[in-house]
């Protein structure tokens, strides 16, 4: 992964916060920004994965409902007198 130099403008309060966070962790501003962006990337991935799991689970529930319905029809037809 290469390094890209960026120039950004932020409100003074955020610049002060960045300096404080970096100082508390013994990091440079650049390293602190990189860590914050890495954390955001991890959290975004976790949200996307959770949404994917929810969508998959919903599809699985619908499939199970179909299968149970079909199975109950078979069971009920087997219980009929011949």
PDB file of N, CA and C in Angstrom:
ATOM      1  N   UNK A   1       0.862  -1.173   0.000  1.00  0.00           N
ATOM      2  CA  UNK A   1       0.000   0.000   0.000  1.00  0.00           C
ATOM      3  C   UNK A   1       0.903   1.229   0.000  1.00  0.00           C
ATOM      4  N   UNK A   2       0.691   2.081  -0.990  1.00  0.00           N
ATOM      5  CA  UNK A   2       1.483   3.296  -1.082  1.00  0.00           C
ATOM      6  C   UNK A   2       0.979   4.380  -0.159  1.00  0.00           C
ATOM      7  N   UNK A   3       1.796   5.397  -0.032  1.00  0.00           N
ATOM      8  CA  UNK A   3       1.432   6.543   0.808  1.00  0.00           C
ATOM      9  C   UNK A   3       1.026   7.690  -0.112  1.00  0.00           C
ATOM     10  N   UNK A   4      -0.081   8.352   0.218  1.00  0.00           N
ATOM     11  CA  UNK A   4      -0.578   9.493  -0.532  1.00  0.00           C
ATOM     12  C   UNK A   4      -0.568  10.696   0.391  1.00  0.00           C
ATOM     13  N   UNK A   5      -0.028  11.787  -0.094  1.00  0.00           N
ATOM     14  CA  UNK A   5      -0.007  13.021   0.699  1.00  0.00           C
ATOM     15  C   UNK A   5      -1.297  13.783   0.423  1.00  0.00           C
ATOM     16  N   UNK A   6      -1.989  14.164   1.481  1.00  0.00           N
ATOM     17  CA  UNK A   6      -3.243  14.903   1.373  1.00  0.00           C
ATOM     18  C   UNK A   6      -3.125  16.254   2.058  1.00  0.00           C
ATOM     19  N   UNK A   7      -3.877  17.185   1.577  1.00  0.00           N
ATOM     20  CA  UNK A   7      -4.030  18.461   2.264  1.00  0.00           C
ATOM     21  C   UNK A   7      -5.512  18.614   2.546  1.00  0.00           C
ATOM     22  N   UNK A   8      -5.864  18.761   3.813  1.00  0.00           N
ATOM     23  CA  UNK A   8      -7.271  18.897   4.181  1.00  0.00           C
ATOM     24  C   UNK A   8      -7.461  20.129   5.041  1.00  0.00           C
ATOM     25  N   UNK A   9      -8.667  20.646   4.997  1.00  0.00           N
ATOM     26  CA  UNK A   9      -9.040  21.770   5.851  1.00  0.00           C
ATOM     27  C   UNK A   9     -10.127  21.295   6.786  1.00  0.00           C
ATOM     28  N   UNK A  10      -9.966  21.568   8.075  1.00  0.00           N
ATOM     29  CA  UNK A  10     -10.959  21.195   9.076  1.00  0.00           C
ATOM     30  C   UNK A  10     -11.150  22.369  10.025  1.00  0.00           C
ATOM     31  N   UNK A  11     -12.292  22.403  10.695  1.00  0.00           N
ATOM     32  CA  UNK A  11     -12.501  23.448  11.706  1.00  0.00           C
ATOM     33  C   UNK A  11     -11.422  23.357  12.801  1.00  0.00           C
ATOM     34  N   UNK A  12     -11.118  24.488  13.401  1.00  0.00           N
ATOM     35  CA  UNK A  12     -10.070  24.564  14.422  1.00  0.00           C
ATOM     36  C   UNK A  12     -10.320  23.572  15.562  1.00  0.00           C
ATOM     37  N   UNK A  13     -11.584  23.391  15.943  1.00  0.00           N
ATOM     38  CA  UNK A  13     -11.895  22.481  17.049  1.00  0.00           C
ATOM     39  C   UNK A  13     -11.491  21.048  16.708  1.00  0.00           C
ATOM     40  N   UNK A  14     -11.710  20.647  15.461  1.00  0.00           N
ATOM     41  CA  UNK A  14     -11.333  19.290  15.053  1.00  0.00           C
ATOM     42  C   UNK A  14      -9.818  19.151  14.958  1.00  0.00           C
ATOM     43  N   UNK A  15      -9.161  20.207  14.540  1.00  0.00           N
ATOM     44  CA  UNK A  15      -7.700  20.187  14.498  1.00  0.00           C
ATOM     45  C   UNK A  15      -7.136  20.033  15.910  1.00  0.00           C
ATOM     46  N   UNK A  16      -7.729  20.756  16.850  1.00  0.00           N
ATOM     47  CA  UNK A  16      -7.300  20.637  18.254  1.00  0.00           C
ATOM     48  C   UNK A  16      -7.542  19.231  18.773  1.00  0.00           C
ATOM     49  N   UNK A  17      -8.691  18.654  18.438  1.00  0.00           N
ATOM     50  CA  UNK A  17      -9.005  17.297  18.867  1.00  0.00           C
ATOM     51  C   UNK A  17      -8.011  16.313  18.262  1.00  0.00           C
ATOM     52  N   UNK A  18      -7.707  16.473  16.988  1.00  0.00           N
ATOM     53  CA  UNK A  18      -6.731  15.601  16.334  1.00  0.00           C
ATOM     54  C   UNK A  18      -5.387  15.678  17.041  1.00  0.00           C
ATOM     55  N   UNK A  19      -4.950  16.878  17.359  1.00  0.00           N
ATOM     56  CA  UNK A  19      -3.673  17.045  18.065  1.00  0.00           C
ATOM     57  C   UNK A  19      -3.706  16.361  19.430  1.00  0.00           C
ATOM     58  N   UNK A  20      -4.812  16.519  20.143  1.00  0.00           N
ATOM     59  CA  UNK A  20      -4.950  15.893  21.462  1.00  0.00           C
ATOM     60  C   UNK A  20      -4.921  14.376  21.357  1.00  0.00           C
ATOM     61  N   UNK A  21      -5.721  13.829  20.439  1.00  0.00           N
ATOM     62  CA  UNK A  21      -5.746  12.372  20.267  1.00  0.00           C
ATOM     63  C   UNK A  21      -4.371  11.837  19.883  1.00  0.00           C
ATOM     64  N   UNK A  22      -3.715  12.509  18.963  1.00  0.00           N
ATOM     65  CA  UNK A  22      -2.386  12.066  18.518  1.00  0.00           C
ATOM     66  C   UNK A  22      -1.383  12.132  19.662  1.00  0.00           C
ATOM     67  N   UNK A  23      -1.392  13.218  20.404  1.00  0.00           N
ATOM     68  CA  UNK A  23      -0.461  13.389  21.518  1.00  0.00           C
ATOM     69  C   UNK A  23      -0.689  12.313  22.582  1.00  0.00           C
ATOM     70  N   UNK A  24      -1.966  12.040  22.920  1.00  0.00           N
ATOM     71  CA  UNK A  24      -2.276  11.020  23.930  1.00  0.00           C
ATOM     72  C   UNK A  24      -1.768   9.638  23.526  1.00  0.00           C
ATOM     73  N   UNK A  25      -1.682   9.396  22.233  1.00  0.00           N
ATOM     74  CA  UNK A  25      -1.269   8.078  21.744  1.00  0.00           C
ATOM     75  C   UNK A  25       0.175   8.046  21.263  1.00  0.00           C
ATOM     76  N   UNK A  26       0.827   9.190  21.331  1.00  0.00           N
ATOM     77  CA  UNK A  26       2.210   9.264  20.882  1.00  0.00           C
ATOM     78  C   UNK A  26       2.348   9.103  19.374  1.00  0.00           C
ATOM     79  N   UNK A  27       1.377   9.625  18.642  1.00  0.00           N
ATOM     80  CA  UNK A  27       1.363   9.496  17.191  1.00  0.00           C
ATOM     81  C   UNK A  27       1.485  10.858  16.529  1.00  0.00           C
ATOM     82  N   UNK A  28       1.826  10.836  15.259  1.00  0.00           N
ATOM     83  CA  UNK A  28       1.773  12.050  14.460  1.00  0.00           C
ATOM     84  C   UNK A  28       0.326  12.287  14.037  1.00  0.00           C
ATOM     85  N   UNK A  29       0.053  13.473  13.537  1.00  0.00           N
ATOM     86  CA  UNK A  29      -1.280  13.756  13.017  1.00  0.00           C
ATOM     87  C   UNK A  29      -1.625  12.765  11.907  1.00  0.00           C
ATOM     88  N   UNK A  30      -0.679  12.555  11.015  1.00  0.00           N
ATOM     89  CA  UNK A  30      -0.921  11.641   9.895  1.00  0.00           C
ATOM     90  C   UNK A  30      -1.259  10.243  10.382  1.00  0.00           C
ATOM     91  N   UNK A  31      -0.505   9.751  11.347  1.00  0.00           N
ATOM     92  CA  UNK A  31      -0.753   8.406  11.877  1.00  0.00           C
ATOM     93  C   UNK A  31      -2.117   8.348  12.565  1.00  0.00           C
ATOM     94  N   UNK A  32      -2.491   9.413  13.262  1.00  0.00           N
ATOM     95  CA  UNK A  32      -3.793   9.427  13.948  1.00  0.00           C
ATOM     96  C   UNK A  32      -4.913   9.425  12.924  1.00  0.00           C
ATOM     97  N   UNK A  33      -4.796  10.232  11.882  1.00  0.00           N
ATOM     98  CA  UNK A  33      -5.822  10.251  10.832  1.00  0.00           C
ATOM     99  C   UNK A  33      -5.916   8.868  10.193  1.00  0.00           C
ATOM    100  N   UNK A  34      -4.776   8.254   9.922  1.00  0.00           N
ATOM    101  CA  UNK A  34      -4.780   6.914   9.319  1.00  0.00           C
ATOM    102  C   UNK A  34      -5.493   5.926  10.235  1.00  0.00           C
ATOM    103  N   UNK A  35      -5.223   5.976  11.540  1.00  0.00           N
ATOM    104  CA  UNK A  35      -5.900   5.061  12.470  1.00  0.00           C
ATOM    105  C   UNK A  35      -7.400   5.282  12.497  1.00  0.00           C
ATOM    106  N   UNK A  36      -7.806   6.539  12.512  1.00  0.00           N
ATOM    107  CA  UNK A  36      -9.246   6.839  12.528  1.00  0.00           C
ATOM    108  C   UNK A  36      -9.917   6.341  11.248  1.00  0.00           C
ATOM    109  N   UNK A  37      -9.258   6.511  10.111  1.00  0.00           N
ATOM    110  CA  UNK A  37      -9.824   6.025   8.857  1.00  0.00           C
ATOM    111  C   UNK A  37      -9.844   4.498   8.807  1.00  0.00           C
ATOM    112  N   UNK A  38      -8.816   3.862   9.341  1.00  0.00           N
ATOM    113  CA  UNK A  38      -8.797   2.395   9.400  1.00  0.00           C
ATOM    114  C   UNK A  38      -9.938   1.881  10.271  1.00  0.00           C
ATOM    115  N   UNK A  39     -10.182   2.542  11.396  1.00  0.00           N
ATOM    116  CA  UNK A  39     -11.280   2.137  12.272  1.00  0.00           C
ATOM    117  C   UNK A  39     -12.615   2.288  11.542  1.00  0.00           C
ATOM    118  N   UNK A  40     -12.777   3.394  10.831  1.00  0.00           N
ATOM    119  CA  UNK A  40     -14.017   3.602  10.069  1.00  0.00           C
ATOM    120  C   UNK A  40     -14.185   2.520   9.017  1.00  0.00           C
ATOM    121  N   UNK A  41     -13.103   2.148   8.357  1.00  0.00           N
ATOM    122  CA  UNK A  41     -13.176   1.097   7.332  1.00  0.00           C
ATOM    123  C   UNK A  41     -13.593  -0.232   7.956  1.00  0.00           C
ATOM    124  N   UNK A  42     -13.038  -0.564   9.132  1.00  0.00           N
ATOM    125  CA  UNK A  42     -13.416  -1.813   9.823  1.00  0.00           C
ATOM    126  C   UNK A  42     -14.877  -1.785  10.232  1.00  0.00           C
ATOM    127  N   UNK A  43     -15.336  -0.654  10.775  1.00  0.00           N
ATOM    128  CA  UNK A  43     -16.725  -0.536  11.209  1.00  0.00           C
ATOM    129  C   UNK A  43     -17.674  -0.607  10.012  1.00  0.00           C
ATOM    130  N   UNK A  44     -17.292  -0.007   8.892  1.00  0.00           N
ATOM    131  CA  UNK A  44     -18.113  -0.062   7.687  1.00  0.00           C
ATOM    132  C   UNK A  44     -18.235  -1.499   7.195  1.00  0.00           C
ATOM    133  N   UNK A  45     -17.115  -2.212   7.170  1.00  0.00           N
ATOM    134  CA  UNK A  45     -17.131  -3.605   6.744  1.00  0.00           C
ATOM    135  C   UNK A  45     -18.018  -4.441   7.665  1.00  0.00           C
ATOM    136  N   UNK A  46     -17.905  -4.201   8.971  1.00  0.00           N
ATOM    137  CA  UNK A  46     -18.726  -4.942   9.935  1.00  0.00           C
ATOM    138  C   UNK A  46     -20.213  -4.667   9.694  1.00  0.00           C
ATOM    139  N   UNK A  47     -20.573  -3.407   9.420  1.00  0.00           N
ATOM    140  CA  UNK A  47     -21.979  -3.074   9.142  1.00  0.00           C
ATOM    141  C   UNK A  47     -22.452  -3.759   7.864  1.00  0.00           C
ATOM    142  N   UNK A  48     -21.622  -3.729   6.829  1.00  0.00           N
ATOM    143  CA  UNK A  48     -21.993  -4.367   5.567  1.00  0.00           C
ATOM    144  C   UNK A  48     -22.152  -5.875   5.735  1.00  0.00           C
ATOM    145  N   UNK A  49     -21.257  -6.486   6.500  1.00  0.00           N
ATOM    146  CA  UNK A  49     -21.357  -7.924   6.732  1.00  0.00           C
ATOM    147  C   UNK A  49     -22.610  -8.255   7.527  1.00  0.00           C
ATOM    148  N   UNK A  50     -22.910  -7.466   8.545  1.00  0.00           N
ATOM    149  CA  UNK A  50     -24.105  -7.704   9.357  1.00  0.00           C
ATOM    150  C   UNK A  50     -25.354  -7.590   8.495  1.00  0.00           C
ATOM    151  N   UNK A  51     -25.403  -6.599   7.615  1.00  0.00           N
ATOM    152  CA  UNK A  51     -26.554  -6.442   6.730  1.00  0.00           C
ATOM    153  C   UNK A  51     -26.660  -7.638   5.791  1.00  0.00           C
ATOM    154  N   UNK A  52     -25.540  -8.095   5.270  1.00  0.00           N
ATOM    155  CA  UNK A  52     -25.549  -9.270   4.407  1.00  0.00           C
ATOM    156  C   UNK A  52     -26.043 -10.504   5.131  1.00  0.00           C
ATOM    157  N   UNK A  53     -25.607 -10.667   6.384  1.00  0.00           N
ATOM    158  CA  UNK A  53     -26.073 -11.805   7.176  1.00  0.00           C
ATOM    159  C   UNK A  53     -27.576 -11.717   7.411  1.00  0.00           C
ATOM    160  N   UNK A  54     -28.073 -10.501   7.695  1.00  0.00           N
ATOM    161  CA  UNK A  54     -29.514 -10.335   7.915  1.00  0.00           C
ATOM    162  C   UNK A  54     -30.298 -10.678   6.646  1.00  0.00           C
ATOM    163  N   UNK A  55     -29.796 -10.227   5.500  1.00  0.00           N
ATOM    164  CA  UNK A  55     -30.481 -10.529   4.240  1.00  0.00           C
ATOM    165  C   UNK A  55     -30.461 -12.029   3.962  1.00  0.00           C
ATOM    166  N   UNK A  56     -29.330 -12.666   4.215  1.00  0.00           N
ATOM    167  CA  UNK A  56     -29.218 -14.111   4.010  1.00  0.00           C
ATOM    168  C   UNK A  56     -30.157 -14.854   4.945  1.00  0.00           C
ATOM    169  N   UNK A  57     -30.199 -14.423   6.191  1.00  0.00           N
ATOM    170  CA  UNK A  57     -31.080 -15.079   7.165  1.00  0.00           C
ATOM    171  C   UNK A  57     -32.540 -14.939   6.740  1.00  0.00           C
ATOM    172  N   UNK A  58     -32.911 -13.771   6.239  1.00  0.00           N
ATOM    173  CA  UNK A  58     -34.288 -13.573   5.782  1.00  0.00           C
ATOM    174  C   UNK A  58     -34.620 -14.515   4.645  1.00  0.00           C
ATOM    175  N   UNK A  59     -33.702 -14.663   3.705  1.00  0.00           N
ATOM    176  CA  UNK A  59     -33.914 -15.600   2.603  1.00  0.00           C
ATOM    177  C   UNK A  59     -33.996 -17.022   3.097  1.00  0.00           C
ATOM    178  N   UNK A  60     -33.146 -17.361   4.057  1.00  0.00           N
ATOM    179  CA  UNK A  60     -33.174 -18.709   4.621  1.00  0.00           C
ATOM    180  C   UNK A  60     -34.500 -18.981   5.325  1.00  0.00           C
ATOM    181  N   UNK A  61     -35.011 -17.999   6.051  1.00  0.00           N
ATOM    182  CA  UNK A  61     -36.299 -18.183   6.739  1.00  0.00           C
ATOM    183  C   UNK A  61     -37.414 -18.424   5.733  1.00  0.00           C
ATOM    184  N   UNK A  62     -37.389 -17.675   4.634  1.00  0.00           N
ATOM    185  CA  UNK A  62     -38.424 -17.872   3.607  1.00  0.00           C
ATOM    186  C   UNK A  62     -38.305 -19.260   2.988  1.00  0.00           C
ATOM    187  N   UNK A  63     -37.088 -19.703   2.732  1.00  0.00           N
ATOM    188  CA  UNK A  63     -36.877 -21.035   2.150  1.00  0.00           C
ATOM    189  C   UNK A  63     -37.337 -22.129   3.115  1.00  0.00           C
ATOM    190  N   UNK A  64     -37.014 -21.969   4.386  1.00  0.00           N
ATOM    191  CA  UNK A  64     -37.437 -22.953   5.393  1.00  0.00           C
ATOM    192  C   UNK A  64     -38.955 -22.993   5.474  1.00  0.00           C
ATOM    193  N   UNK A  65     -39.610 -21.846   5.420  1.00  0.00           N
ATOM    194  CA  UNK A  65     -41.079 -21.813   5.475  1.00  0.00           C
ATOM    195  C   UNK A  65     -41.675 -22.587   4.292  1.00  0.00           C
ATOM    196  N   UNK A  66     -41.080 -22.405   3.093  1.00  0.00           N
ATOM    197  CA  UNK A  66     -41.565 -23.148   1.927  1.00  0.00           C
ATOM    198  C   UNK A  66     -41.378 -24.651   2.127  1.00  0.00           C
ATOM    199  N   UNK A  67     -40.206 -25.031   2.603  1.00  0.00           N
ATOM    200  CA  UNK A  67     -39.917 -26.453   2.794  1.00  0.00           C
ATOM    201  C   UNK A  67     -40.823 -27.075   3.847  1.00  0.00           C
ATOM    202  N   UNK A  68     -41.056 -26.343   4.939  1.00  0.00           N
ATOM    203  CA  UNK A  68     -41.937 -26.870   5.986  1.00  0.00           C
ATOM    204  C   UNK A  68     -43.364 -27.020   5.466  1.00  0.00           C
ATOM    205  N   UNK A  69     -43.788 -26.058   4.660  1.00  0.00           N
ATOM    206  CA  UNK A  69     -45.134 -26.148   4.089  1.00  0.00           C
ATOM    207  C   UNK A  69     -45.239 -27.368   3.186  1.00  0.00           C
ATOM    208  N   UNK A  70     -44.246 -27.569   2.340  1.00  0.00           N
ATOM    209  CA  UNK A  70     -44.258 -28.729   1.443  1.00  0.00           C
ATOM    210  C   UNK A  70     -44.198 -30.024   2.245  1.00  0.00           C
ATOM    211  N   UNK A  71     -43.388 -30.028   3.306  1.00  0.00           N
ATOM    212  CA  UNK A  71     -43.267 -31.234   4.124  1.00  0.00           C
ATOM    213  C   UNK A  71     -44.589 -31.537   4.816  1.00  0.00           C
ATOM    214  N   UNK A  72     -45.270 -30.511   5.308  1.00  0.00           N
ATOM    215  CA  UNK A  72     -46.538 -30.755   5.999  1.00  0.00           C
ATOM    216  C   UNK A  72     -47.574 -31.308   5.026  1.00  0.00           C
ATOM    217  N   UNK A  73     -47.539 -30.879   3.772  1.00  0.00           N
ATOM    218  CA  UNK A  73     -48.464 -31.425   2.774  1.00  0.00           C
ATOM    219  C   UNK A  73     -48.194 -32.908   2.567  1.00  0.00           C
ATOM    220  N   UNK A  74     -46.922 -33.289   2.528  1.00  0.00           N
ATOM    221  CA  UNK A  74     -46.562 -34.695   2.344  1.00  0.00           C
ATOM    222  C   UNK A  74     -47.004 -35.506   3.551  1.00  0.00           C
ATOM    223  N   UNK A  75     -46.739 -34.989   4.741  1.00  0.00           N
ATOM    224  CA  UNK A  75     -47.107 -35.698   5.968  1.00  0.00           C
ATOM    225  C   UNK A  75     -48.616 -35.862   6.043  1.00  0.00           C
ATOM    226  N   UNK A  76     -49.355 -34.792   5.745  1.00  0.00           N
ATOM    227  CA  UNK A  76     -50.818 -34.864   5.804  1.00  0.00           C
ATOM    228  C   UNK A  76     -51.362 -35.838   4.756  1.00  0.00           C
ATOM    229  N   UNK A  77     -50.781 -35.854   3.578  1.00  0.00           N
ATOM    230  CA  UNK A  77     -51.275 -36.775   2.549  1.00  0.00           C
ATOM    231  C   UNK A  77     -50.954 -38.228   2.915  1.00  0.00           C
ATOM    232  N   UNK A  78     -49.871 -38.447   3.654  1.00  0.00           N
ATOM    233  CA  UNK A  78     -49.527 -39.812   4.111  1.00  0.00           C
ATOM    234  C   UNK A  78     -50.474 -40.287   5.191  1.00  0.00           C
ATOM    235  N   UNK A  79     -51.118 -39.359   5.919  1.00  0.00           N
ATOM    236  CA  UNK A  79     -52.028 -39.735   7.012  1.00  0.00           C
ATOM    237  C   UNK A  79     -53.425 -40.070   6.489  1.00  0.00           C
ATOM    238  N   UNK A  80     -53.721 -39.788   5.257  1.00  0.00           N
ATOM    239  CA  UNK A  80     -55.055 -40.051   4.701  1.00  0.00           C
ATOM    240  C   UNK A  80     -55.223 -41.557   4.511  1.00  0.00           C
ATOM    241  N   UNK A  81     -56.424 -42.059   4.766  1.00  0.00           N
ATOM    242  CA  UNK A  81     -56.671 -43.502   4.566  1.00  0.00           C
ATOM    243  C   UNK A  81     -56.517 -43.857   3.092  1.00  0.00           C
ATOM    244  N   UNK A  82     -56.007 -45.024   2.867  1.00  0.00           N
ATOM    245  CA  UNK A  82     -55.808 -45.479   1.472  1.00  0.00           C
ATOM    246  C   UNK A  82     -56.854 -46.487   1.103  1.00  0.00           C
TER     247      UNK A  82
END
